[in-house]
Protein backbone atom coordinates (compact mmCIF):
# COMPACT_ATOMS: atom_id res chain seq x y z
CA TYR A 1 84.08 154.08 262.60
CA SER A 2 80.77 153.50 260.81
CA ILE A 3 78.59 150.40 261.03
CA GLY A 4 75.36 149.58 259.31
CA ASP A 5 72.65 147.04 258.75
CA THR A 6 70.37 145.50 261.30
CA PRO A 7 72.58 142.64 262.62
CA CYS A 8 75.41 145.09 263.44
CA CYS A 9 73.02 147.46 265.18
CA SER A 10 71.51 144.60 267.15
CA SER A 11 74.89 143.32 268.27
CA SER A 12 75.89 146.82 269.34
CA ASN A 13 73.27 146.45 272.08
CA ASN A 14 75.74 144.00 273.60
CA ASN A 15 78.40 146.74 273.82
CA ASP A 16 80.54 145.09 271.12
CA TYR A 17 81.38 148.50 269.67
CA THR A 18 81.41 150.76 272.75
CA GLY A 19 83.85 153.62 272.24
CA ILE A 20 84.59 152.59 268.66
CA ILE A 21 81.60 153.61 266.53
CA ASP A 22 80.75 157.20 265.75
CA GLU A 23 78.07 156.55 263.12
CA MET A 24 75.33 153.94 262.92
CA ARG A 25 73.34 153.30 259.72
CA PRO A 26 70.56 151.10 261.05
CA GLY A 27 68.89 149.73 257.90
CA ASN A 28 65.60 148.20 259.00
CA PHE A 29 66.74 147.98 262.63
CA ALA A 30 63.92 150.29 263.71
CA PHE A 31 61.31 147.85 262.44
CA TYR A 32 63.02 144.47 262.27
CA ASP A 33 61.45 141.93 259.92
CA VAL A 34 60.91 138.21 259.63
CA MET A 35 64.34 137.65 258.10
CA GLN A 36 66.01 139.33 261.09
CA TYR A 37 63.93 137.10 263.37
CA GLN A 38 65.07 134.02 261.45
CA ILE A 39 68.77 134.90 261.85
CA GLY A 40 68.33 135.73 265.53
CA SER A 41 68.66 139.54 265.51
CA ASN A 42 65.40 139.85 267.38
CA LYS A 43 64.22 137.19 269.77
CA SER A 44 60.46 137.38 269.26
CA LEU A 45 57.99 137.96 266.44
CA ASP A 46 56.41 140.52 268.80
CA GLN A 47 59.44 142.76 268.18
CA ILE A 48 58.50 143.24 264.51
CA ALA A 49 56.99 146.72 264.33
CA VAL A 50 55.61 146.90 260.80
CA CYS A 51 53.68 144.51 258.62
CA LEU A 52 52.68 145.13 255.01
CA ALA A 53 50.52 142.95 252.79
CA CYS A 54 50.92 143.35 249.02
CA PRO A 55 49.04 141.35 246.41
CA VAL A 56 51.10 138.98 244.26
CA VAL A 57 50.46 139.81 240.61
CA ALA A 58 52.84 137.34 238.92
CA LYS A 59 54.77 134.21 239.81
CA HIS A 60 57.89 133.06 237.92
CA ASP A 61 58.72 129.55 239.08
CA ALA A 62 61.74 129.15 236.80
CA ARG A 63 63.38 132.26 238.31
CA ASN A 64 62.08 131.60 241.84
CA GLN A 65 60.58 135.11 241.85
CA ILE A 66 57.25 136.80 242.42
CA VAL A 67 56.03 140.26 241.44
CA VAL A 68 54.03 142.20 244.01
CA TYR A 69 51.81 145.24 243.61
CA GLY A 70 53.59 147.51 246.07
CA GLY A 71 56.28 150.02 245.42
CA ALA A 72 57.78 153.31 246.53
CA VAL A 73 54.41 154.99 247.05
CA HIS A 74 52.99 152.06 249.03
CA LEU A 75 56.10 151.66 251.14
CA SER A 76 56.84 155.31 251.87
CA LEU A 77 53.55 156.92 252.90
CA ASP A 78 52.39 157.26 256.50
CA SER A 79 48.76 156.62 255.69
């Protein structure tokens, strides 16, 4: 049995899947994020391991979207 995504991985800490799962695809479980905090996956903002600030380069109010200057290179390098 395979589970994935952060909420599943977080709930597995409560032994919900003991003896059932043989694969875990954690998503952003290793880092958490503000969204996971808001839905209760992590109990404290102190549990968020990574923070990234990207400049906003465009705002589209009609589509409720923004464009940030940050992509694969910015999000995948260690330094």
